[in-house]
Amino acid sequence: MTERYSRQEDIVPRQRILECKATVIGVGAIGRQVALQLTAIGVPSLQLIDFDRVDVTNLATQGYLQDDLETMKVEATAAFSQKLNPDICIEVVNDRFNRRQTIGNSVFCCVDSITARRHIWEIVKDRVGFYCDGRMSAEVL
């Protein structure tokens, strides 16, 4: 183990992290942060799925940079992730998630629509070892 990950070893064993092939569906406000944290803790394989481009309204709420404007969100997030950890293997999917999509063993669902979240859960629930739904309705907040 390198010093880079020594402070998290007591919380999450390094071997468990190295076995993780993470898929983040939706890289907006929550999904982008999830992707960056997964990168920072040393997940070796990251798949980013989103169909949207960075808009000026995303700068204040989603952590994108001015230079990211009009770039696909998955491309901008992948580029920043590579800067955080050059060793990470990243697959970008510039599209909506679909039932035929190959996914990792850990899925982080970070889309806005409750209907889409339900649909994603129905598709992946028997295909993954770990699933996290990272959103809640604004009404709940």
C-alpha atoms as a PDB file:
ATOM      1  CA  MET A   1       0.000   0.000   0.000  1.00  0.00           C
ATOM      2  CA  THR A   2       1.243   3.475  -0.781  1.00  0.00           C
ATOM      3  CA  GLU A   3       1.201   6.372   1.644  1.00  0.00           C
ATOM      4  CA  ARG A   4      -1.451   8.008  -0.524  1.00  0.00           C
ATOM      5  CA  TYR A   5      -4.172   5.730   0.882  1.00  0.00           C
ATOM      6  CA  SER A   6      -2.786   5.061   4.356  1.00  0.00           C
ATOM      7  CA  ARG A   7      -5.323   7.208   6.243  1.00  0.00           C
ATOM      8  CA  GLN A   8      -8.334   5.367   4.853  1.00  0.00           C
ATOM      9  CA  GLU A   9      -6.990   1.826   5.296  1.00  0.00           C
ATOM     10  CA  ASP A  10      -8.637   1.458   8.736  1.00  0.00           C
ATOM     11  CA  ILE A  11     -12.015   2.509   7.343  1.00  0.00           C
ATOM     12  CA  VAL A  12     -12.069   0.664   4.019  1.00  0.00           C
ATOM     13  CA  PRO A  13      -9.525  -2.102   3.401  1.00  0.00           C
ATOM     14  CA  ARG A  14      -7.418  -1.345   0.320  1.00  0.00           C
ATOM     15  CA  GLN A  15      -8.185  -4.719  -1.259  1.00  0.00           C
ATOM     16  CA  ARG A  16     -11.935  -3.952  -1.213  1.00  0.00           C
ATOM     17  CA  ILE A  17     -11.295  -0.660  -3.009  1.00  0.00           C
ATOM     18  CA  LEU A  18      -9.137  -2.397  -5.618  1.00  0.00           C
ATOM     19  CA  GLU A  19     -11.978  -4.847  -6.366  1.00  0.00           C
ATOM     20  CA  CYS A  20     -14.423  -2.024  -7.038  1.00  0.00           C
ATOM     21  CA  LYS A  21     -15.526  -1.277 -10.578  1.00  0.00           C
ATOM     22  CA  ALA A  22     -17.765   1.719  -9.983  1.00  0.00           C
ATOM     23  CA  THR A  23     -20.492   3.020 -12.254  1.00  0.00           C
ATOM     24  CA  VAL A  24     -21.885   6.504 -11.651  1.00  0.00           C
ATOM     25  CA  ILE A  25     -25.135   7.177 -13.464  1.00  0.00           C
ATOM     26  CA  GLY A  26     -25.703  10.930 -13.675  1.00  0.00           C
ATOM     27  CA  VAL A  27     -22.807  13.314 -13.065  1.00  0.00           C
ATOM     28  CA  GLY A  28     -24.635  16.423 -11.920  1.00  0.00           C
ATOM     29  CA  ALA A  29     -24.490  17.903  -8.424  1.00  0.00           C
ATOM     30  CA  ILE A  30     -24.244  14.622  -6.518  1.00  0.00           C
ATOM     31  CA  GLY A  31     -22.864  12.299  -9.190  1.00  0.00           C
ATOM     32  CA  ARG A  32     -19.895  14.512  -9.995  1.00  0.00           C
ATOM     33  CA  GLN A  33     -18.899  14.651  -6.322  1.00  0.00           C
ATOM     34  CA  VAL A  34     -19.354  10.884  -5.965  1.00  0.00           C
ATOM     35  CA  ALA A  35     -17.126  10.314  -9.004  1.00  0.00           C
ATOM     36  CA  LEU A  36     -14.428  12.633  -7.676  1.00  0.00           C
ATOM     37  CA  GLN A  37     -14.459  11.003  -4.224  1.00  0.00           C
ATOM     38  CA  LEU A  38     -14.293   7.513  -5.732  1.00  0.00           C
ATOM     39  CA  THR A  39     -11.309   8.711  -7.753  1.00  0.00           C
ATOM     40  CA  ALA A  40      -9.639  10.253  -4.699  1.00  0.00           C
ATOM     41  CA  ILE A  41      -9.919   7.075  -2.616  1.00  0.00           C
ATOM     42  CA  GLY A  42      -8.283   5.063  -5.387  1.00  0.00           C
ATOM     43  CA  VAL A  43     -11.050   3.114  -7.091  1.00  0.00           C
ATOM     44  CA  PRO A  44      -9.190   1.659 -10.079  1.00  0.00           C
ATOM     45  CA  SER A  45     -12.091   1.570 -12.545  1.00  0.00           C
ATOM     46  CA  LEU A  46     -14.786   4.208 -13.009  1.00  0.00           C
ATOM     47  CA  GLN A  47     -17.606   4.347 -15.518  1.00  0.00           C
ATOM     48  CA  LEU A  48     -19.475   7.640 -15.968  1.00  0.00           C
ATOM     49  CA  ILE A  49     -22.890   7.712 -17.653  1.00  0.00           C
ATOM     50  CA  ASP A  50     -24.721  10.939 -18.534  1.00  0.00           C
ATOM     51  CA  PHE A  51     -26.180  12.524 -21.677  1.00  0.00           C
ATOM     52  CA  ASP A  52     -25.952  16.193 -20.669  1.00  0.00           C
ATOM     53  CA  ARG A  53     -23.560  19.048 -21.379  1.00  0.00           C
ATOM     54  CA  VAL A  54     -22.235  21.539 -18.847  1.00  0.00           C
ATOM     55  CA  ASP A  55     -24.418  24.638 -18.844  1.00  0.00           C
ATOM     56  CA  VAL A  56     -23.753  27.975 -17.122  1.00  0.00           C
ATOM     57  CA  THR A  57     -26.361  27.032 -14.487  1.00  0.00           C
ATOM     58  CA  ASN A  58     -24.220  24.017 -13.527  1.00  0.00           C
ATOM     59  CA  LEU A  59     -21.213  26.107 -12.486  1.00  0.00           C
ATOM     60  CA  ALA A  60     -22.568  27.194  -9.101  1.00  0.00           C
ATOM     61  CA  THR A  61     -24.325  23.957  -8.159  1.00  0.00           C
ATOM     62  CA  GLN A  62     -22.342  21.103  -9.693  1.00  0.00           C
ATOM     63  CA  GLY A  63     -18.701  22.070  -9.303  1.00  0.00           C
ATOM     64  CA  TYR A  64     -17.896  22.435 -12.978  1.00  0.00           C
ATOM     65  CA  LEU A  65     -15.406  25.046 -14.149  1.00  0.00           C
ATOM     66  CA  GLN A  66     -15.891  27.889 -16.623  1.00  0.00           C
ATOM     67  CA  ASP A  67     -13.646  26.013 -19.074  1.00  0.00           C
ATOM     68  CA  ASP A  68     -16.077  23.050 -18.929  1.00  0.00           C
ATOM     69  CA  LEU A  69     -18.973  24.989 -20.502  1.00  0.00           C
ATOM     70  CA  GLU A  70     -20.597  23.107 -23.396  1.00  0.00           C
ATOM     71  CA  THR A  71     -18.458  20.029 -22.693  1.00  0.00           C
ATOM     72  CA  MET A  72     -20.199  16.730 -22.033  1.00  0.00           C
ATOM     73  CA  LYS A  73     -20.466  16.291 -18.248  1.00  0.00           C
ATOM     74  CA  VAL A  74     -18.891  12.839 -18.410  1.00  0.00           C
ATOM     75  CA  GLU A  75     -15.912  14.219 -20.362  1.00  0.00           C
ATOM     76  CA  ALA A  76     -15.363  17.125 -17.939  1.00  0.00           C
ATOM     77  CA  THR A  77     -15.666  14.838 -14.901  1.00  0.00           C
ATOM     78  CA  ALA A  78     -13.346  12.250 -16.450  1.00  0.00           C
ATOM     79  CA  ALA A  79     -10.717  14.908 -17.209  1.00  0.00           C
ATOM     80  CA  PHE A  80     -10.785  16.221 -13.629  1.00  0.00           C
ATOM     81  CA  SER A  81     -10.699  12.671 -12.254  1.00  0.00           C
ATOM     82  CA  GLN A  82      -7.597  11.907 -14.343  1.00  0.00           C
ATOM     83  CA  LYS A  83      -5.914  14.944 -12.781  1.00  0.00           C
ATOM     84  CA  LEU A  84      -6.798  13.664  -9.294  1.00  0.00           C
ATOM     85  CA  ASN A  85      -5.542  10.161 -10.003  1.00  0.00           C
ATOM     86  CA  PRO A  86      -3.693   9.528 -13.276  1.00  0.00           C
ATOM     87  CA  ASP A  87      -3.787   5.753 -12.653  1.00  0.00           C
ATOM     88  CA  ILE A  88      -7.589   5.455 -12.787  1.00  0.00           C
ATOM     89  CA  CYS A  89      -9.205   3.721 -15.757  1.00  0.00           C
ATOM     90  CA  ILE A  90     -12.275   5.711 -16.855  1.00  0.00           C
ATOM     91  CA  GLU A  91     -14.990   4.800 -19.317  1.00  0.00           C
ATOM     92  CA  VAL A  92     -17.319   7.583 -20.414  1.00  0.00           C
ATOM     93  CA  VAL A  93     -20.775   6.962 -21.821  1.00  0.00           C
ATOM     94  CA  ASN A  94     -22.271  10.067 -23.453  1.00  0.00           C
ATOM     95  CA  ASP A  95     -25.811   8.736 -23.359  1.00  0.00           C
ATOM     96  CA  ARG A  96     -28.748   7.879 -21.138  1.00  0.00           C
ATOM     97  CA  PHE A  97     -28.463   4.659 -19.144  1.00  0.00           C
ATOM     98  CA  ASN A  98     -30.182   1.707 -20.833  1.00  0.00           C
ATOM     99  CA  ARG A  99     -30.906  -1.902 -19.997  1.00  0.00           C
ATOM    100  CA  ARG A 100     -28.160  -3.251 -22.289  1.00  0.00           C
ATOM    101  CA  GLN A 101     -25.504  -1.073 -20.665  1.00  0.00           C
ATOM    102  CA  THR A 102     -22.541  -2.927 -19.180  1.00  0.00           C
ATOM    103  CA  ILE A 103     -22.021  -1.802 -15.569  1.00  0.00           C
ATOM    104  CA  GLY A 104     -19.513  -2.258 -12.770  1.00  0.00           C
ATOM    105  CA  ASN A 105     -20.016  -4.251  -9.565  1.00  0.00           C
ATOM    106  CA  SER A 106     -20.919  -1.062  -7.663  1.00  0.00           C
ATOM    107  CA  VAL A 107     -23.523   1.381  -8.981  1.00  0.00           C
ATOM    108  CA  PHE A 108     -24.178   4.906  -7.752  1.00  0.00           C
ATOM    109  CA  CYS A 109     -27.475   6.203  -9.102  1.00  0.00           C
ATOM    110  CA  CYS A 110     -27.403  10.008  -9.091  1.00  0.00           C
ATOM    111  CA  VAL A 111     -30.122  11.034 -11.535  1.00  0.00           C
ATOM    112  CA  ASP A 112     -32.807  13.648 -10.891  1.00  0.00           C
ATOM    113  CA  SER A 113     -35.953  11.801 -11.881  1.00  0.00           C
ATOM    114  CA  ILE A 114     -37.630   9.483  -9.389  1.00  0.00           C
ATOM    115  CA  THR A 115     -39.112   7.544 -12.309  1.00  0.00           C
ATOM    116  CA  ALA A 116     -35.663   7.088 -13.862  1.00  0.00           C
ATOM    117  CA  ARG A 117     -34.217   5.994 -10.499  1.00  0.00           C
ATOM    118  CA  ARG A 118     -36.905   3.342 -10.143  1.00  0.00           C
ATOM    119  CA  HIS A 119     -36.261   2.179 -13.700  1.00  0.00           C
ATOM    120  CA  ILE A 120     -32.478   1.974 -13.110  1.00  0.00           C
ATOM    121  CA  TRP A 121     -32.992   0.011  -9.879  1.00  0.00           C
ATOM    122  CA  GLU A 122     -35.216  -2.517 -11.654  1.00  0.00           C
ATOM    123  CA  ILE A 123     -32.543  -3.021 -14.322  1.00  0.00           C
ATOM    124  CA  VAL A 124     -29.470  -3.318 -12.088  1.00  0.00           C
ATOM    125  CA  LYS A 125     -30.706  -4.839  -8.809  1.00  0.00           C
ATOM    126  CA  ASP A 126     -29.754  -8.395  -9.786  1.00  0.00           C
ATOM    127  CA  ARG A 127     -26.507  -7.390 -11.514  1.00  0.00           C
ATOM    128  CA  VAL A 128     -24.529  -5.562  -8.812  1.00  0.00           C
ATOM    129  CA  GLY A 129     -23.018  -6.256  -5.415  1.00  0.00           C
ATOM    130  CA  PHE A 130     -23.497  -2.685  -4.176  1.00  0.00           C
ATOM    131  CA  TYR A 131     -26.114  -0.065  -5.097  1.00  0.00           C
ATOM    132  CA  CYS A 132     -26.450   3.473  -3.792  1.00  0.00           C
ATOM    133  CA  ASP A 133     -29.198   5.943  -4.664  1.00  0.00           C
ATOM    134  CA  GLY A 134     -27.659   9.327  -4.004  1.00  0.00           C
ATOM    135  CA  ARG A 135     -30.643  11.617  -4.508  1.00  0.00           C
ATOM    136  CA  MET A 136     -33.682  12.803  -2.641  1.00  0.00           C
ATOM    137  CA  SER A 137     -36.567  15.006  -3.630  1.00  0.00           C
ATOM    138  CA  ALA A 138     -36.147  18.692  -2.909  1.00  0.00           C
ATOM    139  CA  GLU A 139     -39.432  18.480  -1.024  1.00  0.00           C
ATOM    140  CA  VAL A 140     -37.749  16.137   1.463  1.00  0.00           C
ATOM    141  CA  LEU A 141     -34.886  18.523   2.084  1.00  0.00           C
END
